C-alpha cells in the first residue's frame, strides 16, 4: 500500500519520546508520505528537524495557525514570509479561522488568513485550511480568491453536503477526511457518501482524533489504513481504490510527484 497522511503533527510533544519511530511505523503501515502542517514559532524547530531527518517521506507546510494569532501575530507572519525564502515547503498552513477557542483576535485571524493565502498564490502552493465554528467566514475569505488559481484542502472536514457544495464552487479544492469518520454516529459518515473520492485526501491530525479501535489513545500516521478501510466500506468499494485515488489526489495537490528523494524547492510545485 502507498497512502499519504496529508495532515499529521508527529513533531508534537506527545511524540517527544518516539517521533522517529512514529515516522517509521507509518512507513511500515504503507503510509509513504507525510505532510507536517506548521503551527507557530514555538513548535517550528521541532517540525523542521524531524522533517529533515526523514526527507524521503516527510514534507512540511509553513504558516501560522489561527489559534496562535495573538498580539504578536505580525511578527509570526513576518517569520513565515522569511522562511518561505529559505526553507522547502509543499503548502502554506495550517492557517484559517478558529472562533471556537476565542473570538478575541477575530479580525487579526482574518487578516492573517488573507496574507497567507496571498503567500500561497505568490509561491504557487496549496493552502491547508483550518476552520472551526467559522464555516461561513472561512468560505467567504477563500471565496475572495476565487478564479485566481488558489487551491488547497479543508482540513478535518466534518461539514454537511451543502457545505461541501459551497467548497466545490471555489474550484480545485479538496476535503481532508480523518479518524472522525470511524466514530459511531459521526455525521461525516453520511456526508462522505456523496463526496466524490476525487475530492478527498486522507489525514490523521495526529496526535488528535484517533480512529476506532484506538479512540481515546494517541493518534499517529500509521492509522491511515483504518480511515481508508472505513471510507471504502461506506462507499462500497475496495480499499485499493481508496488508496489509489486519495494518494493521487494528495500527490497532485502537494506536488509530491515531482519531489526527488522527498525534496523540493519553494515554488516548484
Protein backbone atom coordinates (compact mmCIF):
# COMPACT_ATOMS: atom_id res chain seq x y z
CA UNK A 1 0.00 0.00 0.00
CA UNK A 2 1.09 3.60 -0.58
CA UNK A 3 -1.01 6.11 1.35
CA UNK A 4 -0.39 9.78 2.14
CA UNK A 5 -1.18 11.34 5.53
CA UNK A 6 -1.87 14.91 4.47
CA UNK A 7 -2.08 16.31 8.00
CA UNK A 8 -0.04 14.97 10.92
CA UNK A 9 1.74 16.59 13.86
CA UNK A 10 4.27 13.87 14.66
CA UNK A 11 6.56 16.64 15.91
CA UNK A 12 4.10 17.38 18.72
CA UNK A 13 5.31 16.95 22.31
CA UNK A 14 3.07 13.88 22.51
CA UNK A 15 5.76 12.17 20.40
CA UNK A 16 8.73 13.51 22.35
CA UNK A 17 10.00 10.00 23.11
CA UNK A 18 9.31 8.27 19.81
CA UNK A 19 8.78 10.70 16.94
CA UNK A 20 11.30 8.97 14.68
CA UNK A 21 9.73 5.61 15.41
CA UNK A 22 6.28 7.02 14.64
CA UNK A 23 7.52 8.05 11.19
CA UNK A 24 8.96 4.57 10.67
CA UNK A 25 5.74 2.90 11.85
CA UNK A 26 3.82 4.94 9.32
CA UNK A 27 6.06 3.66 6.53
CA UNK A 28 5.64 0.09 7.73
CA UNK A 29 1.86 0.59 7.60
CA UNK A 30 2.06 1.68 3.97
CA UNK A 31 1.92 5.44 4.57
CA UNK A 32 4.68 6.56 2.22
CA UNK A 33 4.37 10.33 2.58
CA UNK A 34 3.55 12.63 5.49
CA UNK A 35 2.65 16.32 5.45
CA UNK A 36 3.55 18.29 8.59
CA UNK A 37 1.37 21.42 8.89
CA UNK A 38 3.01 24.34 10.71
CA UNK A 39 1.65 25.85 13.95
CA UNK A 40 3.90 28.75 15.01
CA UNK A 41 7.46 29.61 16.01
CA UNK A 42 7.21 27.67 19.28
CA UNK A 43 6.96 24.31 17.51
CA UNK A 44 8.59 25.01 14.15
CA UNK A 45 12.12 23.99 15.08
CA UNK A 46 10.94 20.52 16.14
CA UNK A 47 8.89 20.23 12.96
CA UNK A 48 11.74 21.15 10.64
CA UNK A 49 14.24 18.99 12.49
CA UNK A 50 12.07 15.88 12.30
CA UNK A 51 11.26 16.53 8.66
CA UNK A 52 14.95 16.95 7.84
CA UNK A 53 15.72 13.60 9.45
CA UNK A 54 13.14 11.88 7.20
CA UNK A 55 13.46 13.70 3.90
CA UNK A 56 12.40 10.66 1.93
CA UNK A 57 8.89 10.69 3.41
CA UNK A 58 8.18 13.93 5.32
CA UNK A 59 7.22 17.27 3.77
CA UNK A 60 6.24 20.49 5.52
CA UNK A 61 3.83 23.36 5.28
CA UNK A 62 4.76 26.80 6.59
CA UNK A 63 2.21 29.09 8.22
CA UNK A 64 0.55 30.42 11.33
CA UNK A 65 -2.29 28.50 12.98
CA UNK A 66 -5.36 30.66 13.76
CA UNK A 67 -5.26 29.78 17.48
CA UNK A 68 -1.71 31.15 17.56
CA UNK A 69 -2.87 34.56 16.32
CA UNK A 70 -2.41 36.98 19.23
CA UNK A 71 -0.78 40.34 19.91
CA UNK A 72 2.44 39.16 18.26
CA UNK A 73 0.85 37.74 15.14
CA UNK A 74 2.52 40.14 12.70
CA UNK A 75 5.98 39.08 13.88
CA UNK A 76 4.93 35.49 13.35
CA UNK A 77 3.71 36.22 9.83
CA UNK A 78 6.96 38.04 9.04
CA UNK A 79 8.88 34.97 10.22
CA UNK A 80 6.84 32.74 7.91
CA UNK A 81 7.50 35.05 4.99
CA UNK A 82 11.25 34.96 5.62
CA UNK A 83 11.24 31.17 5.94
CA UNK A 84 9.46 30.83 2.62
CA UNK A 85 12.59 32.22 1.01
CA UNK A 86 14.93 29.68 2.58
CA UNK A 87 13.00 26.58 3.65
CA UNK A 88 11.43 23.92 1.47
CA UNK A 89 7.68 23.51 1.71
CA UNK A 90 4.77 21.93 -0.13
CA UNK A 91 1.99 24.08 1.34
CA UNK A 92 1.04 27.19 3.26
CA UNK A 93 -0.52 26.43 6.62
CA UNK A 94 -2.05 25.36 8.60
CA UNK A 95 -3.94 28.63 8.56
CA UNK A 96 -7.60 29.63 8.60
CA UNK A 97 -10.13 30.66 11.25
CA UNK A 98 -10.98 29.29 14.68
CA UNK A 99 -13.79 31.05 16.53
CA UNK A 100 -14.31 28.14 18.93
CA UNK A 101 -11.32 28.80 21.15
CA UNK A 102 -11.71 32.58 21.17
CA UNK A 103 -13.06 35.49 19.17
CA UNK A 104 -10.72 37.99 20.80
CA UNK A 105 -8.48 38.17 17.73
CA UNK A 106 -11.14 37.53 15.12
CA UNK A 107 -10.15 40.49 12.94
CA UNK A 108 -6.48 39.56 13.18
CA UNK A 109 -7.24 35.94 12.25
CA UNK A 110 -9.00 37.12 9.12
CA UNK A 111 -6.05 39.32 8.16
CA UNK A 112 -3.52 36.58 8.91
CA UNK A 113 -5.52 34.15 6.79
CA UNK A 114 -5.73 36.61 3.88
CA UNK A 115 -1.99 37.29 3.95
CA UNK A 116 -1.16 33.61 3.98
CA UNK A 117 -3.44 32.92 1.03
CA UNK A 118 -1.54 35.64 -0.81
CA UNK A 119 1.71 33.87 0.11
CA UNK A 120 0.26 30.70 -1.39
CA UNK A 121 -0.64 32.40 -4.65
CA UNK A 122 2.78 34.02 -4.85
CA UNK A 123 4.59 30.74 -4.31
CA UNK A 124 2.26 28.52 -6.30
CA UNK A 125 1.47 26.42 -3.24
CA UNK A 126 -1.78 24.99 -1.85
CA UNK A 127 -3.30 26.12 1.44
CA UNK A 128 -4.06 23.88 4.42
CA UNK A 129 -7.23 25.41 5.87
CA UNK A 130 -8.34 25.05 9.49
CA UNK A 131 -11.95 26.06 10.15
CA UNK A 132 -13.73 25.63 13.47
CA UNK A 133 -17.01 27.34 14.29
CA UNK A 134 -16.22 29.64 11.36
CA UNK A 135 -17.60 27.96 8.23
CA UNK A 136 -19.33 30.97 6.72
CA UNK A 137 -16.42 33.32 7.40
CA UNK A 138 -13.90 30.80 6.06
CA UNK A 139 -15.81 30.24 2.82
CA UNK A 140 -16.17 33.99 2.36
CA UNK A 141 -12.44 34.57 2.95
CA UNK A 142 -11.41 31.85 0.49
CA UNK A 143 -14.07 32.97 -1.96
CA UNK A 144 -12.33 36.32 -2.34
CA UNK A 145 -9.59 34.45 -4.23
CA UNK A 146 -11.94 32.50 -6.48
CA UNK A 147 -10.73 32.38 -10.07
CA UNK A 148 -7.14 33.30 -9.15
CA UNK A 149 -5.81 29.74 -9.06
CA UNK A 150 -5.78 29.29 -5.31
CA UNK A 151 -6.28 25.71 -4.17
CA UNK A 152 -5.84 23.60 -1.07
CA UNK A 153 -7.58 21.38 1.45
CA UNK A 154 -10.23 21.99 4.07
CA UNK A 155 -8.60 20.05 6.87
CA UNK A 156 -10.65 17.83 9.21
CA UNK A 157 -13.79 18.34 7.19
CA UNK A 158 -16.92 17.40 9.13
CA UNK A 159 -19.48 19.65 7.47
CA UNK A 160 -22.70 18.94 5.62
CA UNK A 161 -23.01 18.06 1.96
CA UNK A 162 -24.33 21.60 1.46
CA UNK A 163 -21.07 22.98 2.83
CA UNK A 164 -19.12 20.69 0.52
CA UNK A 165 -21.14 22.00 -2.43
CA UNK A 166 -20.05 25.51 -1.49
CA UNK A 167 -16.42 24.33 -1.40
CA UNK A 168 -16.89 22.78 -4.84
CA UNK A 169 -17.82 26.20 -6.19
CA UNK A 170 -14.40 27.50 -5.19
CA UNK A 171 -12.79 25.20 -7.77
CA UNK A 172 -9.96 22.71 -7.28
CA UNK A 173 -10.28 22.26 -3.52
CA UNK A 174 -10.17 19.04 -1.51
CA UNK A 175 -11.50 17.96 1.87
CA UNK A 176 -9.40 16.13 4.45
CA UNK A 177 -11.10 13.10 5.98
CA UNK A 178 -9.74 11.62 9.20
CA UNK A 179 -10.45 9.48 12.24
CA UNK A 180 -13.84 11.05 13.00
CA UNK A 181 -15.14 9.02 10.06
CA UNK A 182 -14.78 5.89 12.19
CA UNK A 183 -16.71 7.25 15.18
CA UNK A 184 -20.13 5.84 15.93
CA UNK A 185 -22.93 8.11 14.64
CA UNK A 186 -20.47 10.55 13.07
CA UNK A 187 -22.40 12.74 10.62
CA UNK A 188 -19.47 12.89 8.23
CA UNK A 189 -20.05 9.18 7.52
CA UNK A 190 -23.32 10.11 5.80
CA UNK A 191 -21.93 13.20 4.12
CA UNK A 192 -18.91 11.42 2.65
CA UNK A 193 -21.18 9.08 0.68
CA UNK A 194 -21.94 11.99 -1.65
CA UNK A 195 -18.44 13.48 -1.79
CA UNK A 196 -16.56 12.28 -4.87
CA UNK A 197 -13.46 10.27 -3.99
CA UNK A 198 -11.58 12.53 -6.39
CA UNK A 199 -12.10 15.42 -3.92
CA UNK A 200 -10.89 13.55 -0.81
CA UNK A 201 -7.47 13.30 0.82
CA UNK A 202 -6.76 11.27 3.95
CA UNK A 203 -5.34 12.61 7.20
CA UNK A 204 -4.89 11.70 10.86
CA UNK A 205 -4.31 15.06 12.56
CA UNK A 206 -2.05 13.11 14.91
CA UNK A 207 -1.93 13.08 17.88
CA UNK A 208 -5.63 14.05 17.85
CA UNK A 209 -8.87 12.48 16.55
CA UNK A 210 -7.72 8.88 16.88
CA UNK A 211 -9.77 6.41 14.82
CA UNK A 212 -11.57 3.38 16.21
CA UNK A 213 -10.40 0.94 17.58
CA UNK A 214 -7.71 3.15 19.14
CA UNK A 215 -10.01 6.03 20.09
CA UNK A 216 -9.01 7.55 23.44
CA UNK A 217 -5.32 6.91 22.78
CA UNK A 218 -2.70 8.94 20.96
CA UNK A 219 -3.23 9.08 17.21
CA UNK A 220 -0.45 8.52 14.70
CA UNK A 221 0.05 8.33 10.96
CA UNK A 222 0.25 4.54 10.92
CA UNK A 223 -3.53 4.54 11.43
CA UNK A 224 -4.31 5.97 7.99
CA UNK A 225 -5.30 2.50 6.67
CA UNK A 226 -8.03 2.32 9.32
CA UNK A 227 -9.56 5.52 7.94
CA UNK A 228 -9.17 4.28 4.38
CA UNK A 229 -10.85 1.00 5.26
CA UNK A 230 -13.85 2.77 6.77
CA UNK A 231 -14.12 5.07 3.76
CA UNK A 232 -14.04 2.08 1.43
CA UNK A 233 -16.76 0.38 3.48
CA UNK A 234 -19.01 3.44 3.37
CA UNK A 235 -18.58 3.87 -0.37
CA UNK A 236 -18.86 0.17 -1.13
CA UNK A 237 -15.52 -0.03 -2.91
CA UNK A 238 -12.22 -1.83 -2.35
CA UNK A 239 -9.61 -0.20 -0.12
CA UNK A 240 -7.16 -0.37 -3.03
CA UNK A 241 -9.32 2.14 -4.90
CA UNK A 242 -9.35 4.48 -1.90
CA UNK A 243 -5.57 4.13 -1.71
CA UNK A 244 -5.02 4.80 -5.40
CA UNK A 245 -7.34 7.80 -5.75
CA UNK A 246 -6.62 9.59 -2.48
CA UNK A 247 -2.87 9.16 -2.94
CA UNK A 248 -3.11 10.55 -6.45
CA UNK A 249 -5.16 13.46 -5.10
CA UNK A 250 -2.55 14.23 -2.43
CA UNK A 251 0.34 13.94 -4.85
CA UNK A 252 -1.35 16.29 -7.27
CA UNK A 253 -2.33 18.82 -4.60
CA UNK A 254 1.05 18.99 -2.89
CA UNK A 255 3.20 18.39 -5.96
CA UNK A 256 4.68 15.22 -4.49
CA UNK A 257 5.14 13.51 -7.86
CA UNK A 258 7.96 15.92 -8.70
CA UNK A 259 9.92 15.61 -5.46
CA UNK A 260 13.14 13.62 -5.87
CA UNK A 261 14.11 11.88 -2.62
CA UNK A 262 11.30 13.64 -0.82
CA UNK A 263 12.70 17.10 -1.52
CA UNK A 264 11.50 20.11 -3.45
CA UNK A 265 12.14 23.81 -3.74
CA UNK A 266 9.67 26.55 -2.94
CA UNK A 267 7.60 27.39 -5.97
CA UNK A 268 8.47 24.23 -7.90
CA UNK A 269 5.10 22.62 -7.31
